[in-house]
């Protein structure tokens, strides 16, 4: 298993992509394998959130 130090993270506070643990955990999402994946973190998380909400709705019906 690789360390998060060699992965990329999206910083929600600054909107920047960072390599390694440059910022506090509360400010970042990841890890991602590439900077491009990290840059798409807001869209990816929004998509996953929608999918989870739809799944919850189906389970509650």
N, C-alpha and C. Protein backbone atom coordinates (compact mmCIF):
# COMPACT_ATOMS: atom_id res chain seq x y z
N UNK A 1 0.85 -1.18 0.00
CA UNK A 1 0.00 0.00 0.00
C UNK A 1 0.89 1.24 0.00
N UNK A 2 0.50 2.22 -0.75
CA UNK A 2 1.30 3.44 -0.83
C UNK A 2 0.83 4.45 0.19
N UNK A 3 1.71 5.29 0.57
CA UNK A 3 1.41 6.35 1.53
C UNK A 3 0.67 7.49 0.83
N UNK A 4 -0.13 8.21 1.59
CA UNK A 4 -0.81 9.38 1.05
C UNK A 4 0.14 10.48 0.66
N UNK A 5 1.38 10.38 1.10
CA UNK A 5 2.38 11.40 0.76
C UNK A 5 2.65 11.45 -0.75
N UNK A 6 2.47 10.33 -1.43
CA UNK A 6 2.75 10.31 -2.87
C UNK A 6 1.46 10.33 -3.69
N UNK A 7 0.37 10.77 -3.07
CA UNK A 7 -0.92 10.90 -3.75
C UNK A 7 -1.28 12.38 -3.85
N UNK A 8 -2.36 12.65 -4.57
CA UNK A 8 -2.83 14.02 -4.77
C UNK A 8 -4.13 14.22 -4.00
N UNK A 9 -4.30 15.44 -3.55
CA UNK A 9 -5.45 15.80 -2.73
C UNK A 9 -6.05 17.10 -3.26
N UNK A 10 -7.36 17.26 -3.10
CA UNK A 10 -8.03 18.50 -3.46
C UNK A 10 -8.28 19.28 -2.17
N UNK A 11 -7.84 20.51 -2.12
CA UNK A 11 -8.03 21.37 -0.96
C UNK A 11 -9.30 22.20 -1.18
N UNK A 12 -10.33 21.95 -0.36
CA UNK A 12 -11.60 22.67 -0.50
C UNK A 12 -11.50 24.13 -0.09
N UNK A 13 -10.58 24.46 0.78
CA UNK A 13 -10.43 25.84 1.23
C UNK A 13 -9.82 26.71 0.14
N UNK A 14 -8.79 26.20 -0.52
CA UNK A 14 -8.08 27.00 -1.52
C UNK A 14 -8.48 26.66 -2.95
N UNK A 15 -9.07 25.47 -3.17
CA UNK A 15 -9.38 25.02 -4.52
C UNK A 15 -8.16 24.48 -5.26
N UNK A 16 -7.07 24.30 -4.54
CA UNK A 16 -5.82 23.85 -5.16
C UNK A 16 -5.66 22.33 -5.05
N UNK A 17 -4.94 21.78 -6.00
CA UNK A 17 -4.52 20.38 -5.94
C UNK A 17 -3.17 20.36 -5.25
N UNK A 18 -3.03 19.46 -4.29
CA UNK A 18 -1.79 19.36 -3.52
C UNK A 18 -1.26 17.94 -3.57
N UNK A 19 0.04 17.81 -3.46
CA UNK A 19 0.66 16.48 -3.38
C UNK A 19 1.07 16.25 -1.94
N UNK A 20 0.66 15.11 -1.40
CA UNK A 20 0.99 14.79 -0.03
C UNK A 20 0.09 15.51 0.96
N UNK A 21 0.50 15.45 2.21
CA UNK A 21 -0.31 16.01 3.30
C UNK A 21 0.06 17.47 3.57
N UNK A 22 -0.13 18.32 2.59
CA UNK A 22 0.26 19.73 2.71
C UNK A 22 -0.69 20.52 3.59
N UNK A 23 -1.95 20.08 3.68
CA UNK A 23 -2.97 20.83 4.41
C UNK A 23 -3.61 19.93 5.46
N UNK A 24 -4.30 20.52 6.43
CA UNK A 24 -5.01 19.71 7.42
C UNK A 24 -6.06 18.82 6.75
N UNK A 25 -6.31 17.66 7.33
CA UNK A 25 -7.25 16.69 6.77
C UNK A 25 -8.64 17.28 6.57
N UNK A 26 -9.06 18.16 7.43
CA UNK A 26 -10.40 18.76 7.34
C UNK A 26 -10.58 19.55 6.04
N UNK A 27 -9.49 20.02 5.46
CA UNK A 27 -9.55 20.86 4.26
C UNK A 27 -9.41 20.09 2.96
N UNK A 28 -9.10 18.79 3.01
CA UNK A 28 -8.77 18.10 1.76
C UNK A 28 -9.59 16.85 1.53
N UNK A 29 -9.74 16.50 0.26
CA UNK A 29 -10.39 15.27 -0.17
C UNK A 29 -9.40 14.46 -0.97
N UNK A 30 -9.47 13.17 -0.84
CA UNK A 30 -8.57 12.29 -1.56
C UNK A 30 -8.33 11.05 -0.74
N UNK A 31 -7.39 10.30 -1.13
CA UNK A 31 -6.34 10.58 -2.11
C UNK A 31 -6.76 10.22 -3.53
N UNK A 32 -6.08 10.83 -4.48
CA UNK A 32 -6.26 10.57 -5.90
C UNK A 32 -4.90 10.21 -6.49
N UNK A 33 -4.92 9.42 -7.55
CA UNK A 33 -3.68 8.97 -8.18
C UNK A 33 -3.02 10.03 -9.05
N UNK A 34 -3.84 10.92 -9.62
CA UNK A 34 -3.29 11.94 -10.53
C UNK A 34 -3.80 13.32 -10.13
N UNK A 35 -3.07 14.36 -10.53
CA UNK A 35 -3.57 15.72 -10.25
C UNK A 35 -4.89 16.01 -10.96
N UNK A 36 -5.08 15.41 -12.13
CA UNK A 36 -6.33 15.64 -12.89
C UNK A 36 -7.52 15.07 -12.12
N UNK A 37 -7.36 13.88 -11.55
CA UNK A 37 -8.44 13.30 -10.75
C UNK A 37 -8.75 14.18 -9.54
N UNK A 38 -7.71 14.66 -8.89
CA UNK A 38 -7.90 15.52 -7.72
C UNK A 38 -8.62 16.81 -8.10
N UNK A 39 -8.29 17.37 -9.25
CA UNK A 39 -8.92 18.61 -9.70
C UNK A 39 -10.42 18.42 -9.93
N UNK A 40 -10.84 17.20 -10.24
CA UNK A 40 -12.25 16.90 -10.48
C UNK A 40 -12.98 16.47 -9.22
N UNK A 41 -12.35 16.58 -8.07
CA UNK A 41 -12.94 16.12 -6.82
C UNK A 41 -14.31 16.72 -6.53
N UNK A 42 -14.53 18.02 -6.68
CA UNK A 42 -15.86 18.56 -6.36
C UNK A 42 -16.97 17.92 -7.20
N UNK A 43 -16.71 17.74 -8.49
CA UNK A 43 -17.72 17.13 -9.36
C UNK A 43 -17.93 15.66 -9.00
N UNK A 44 -16.85 14.96 -8.73
CA UNK A 44 -16.94 13.55 -8.37
C UNK A 44 -17.71 13.36 -7.07
N UNK A 45 -17.42 14.17 -6.08
CA UNK A 45 -18.11 14.04 -4.80
C UNK A 45 -19.58 14.40 -4.92
N UNK A 46 -19.90 15.39 -5.73
CA UNK A 46 -21.31 15.74 -5.95
C UNK A 46 -22.05 14.60 -6.64
N UNK A 47 -21.40 13.98 -7.62
CA UNK A 47 -22.01 12.85 -8.33
C UNK A 47 -22.24 11.69 -7.36
N UNK A 48 -21.25 11.36 -6.56
CA UNK A 48 -21.40 10.26 -5.60
C UNK A 48 -22.49 10.56 -4.59
N UNK A 49 -22.58 11.80 -4.16
CA UNK A 49 -23.60 12.19 -3.21
C UNK A 49 -25.00 11.98 -3.80
N UNK A 50 -25.17 12.37 -5.06
CA UNK A 50 -26.46 12.16 -5.74
C UNK A 50 -26.78 10.67 -5.83
N UNK A 51 -25.78 9.87 -6.19
CA UNK A 51 -25.99 8.43 -6.32
C UNK A 51 -26.37 7.81 -4.98
N UNK A 52 -25.71 8.23 -3.90
CA UNK A 52 -26.03 7.70 -2.57
C UNK A 52 -27.43 8.11 -2.15
N UNK A 53 -27.82 9.34 -2.45
CA UNK A 53 -29.16 9.81 -2.10
C UNK A 53 -30.22 9.02 -2.86
N UNK A 54 -29.97 8.75 -4.14
CA UNK A 54 -30.91 7.96 -4.93
C UNK A 54 -31.00 6.53 -4.39
N UNK A 55 -29.87 5.97 -4.01
CA UNK A 55 -29.85 4.62 -3.44
C UNK A 55 -30.63 4.58 -2.13
N UNK A 56 -30.41 5.57 -1.28
CA UNK A 56 -31.15 5.64 -0.01
C UNK A 56 -32.64 5.76 -0.26
N UNK A 57 -33.01 6.56 -1.24
CA UNK A 57 -34.43 6.74 -1.56
C UNK A 57 -35.06 5.43 -2.02
N UNK A 58 -34.34 4.68 -2.87
CA UNK A 58 -34.85 3.38 -3.33
C UNK A 58 -34.99 2.40 -2.16
N UNK A 59 -34.03 2.40 -1.26
CA UNK A 59 -34.07 1.49 -0.12
C UNK A 59 -35.19 1.84 0.85
N UNK A 60 -35.55 3.11 0.93
CA UNK A 60 -36.59 3.54 1.86
C UNK A 60 -37.99 3.43 1.28
N UNK A 61 -38.11 3.11 0.02
CA UNK A 61 -39.44 2.96 -0.61
C UNK A 61 -40.03 1.60 -0.36
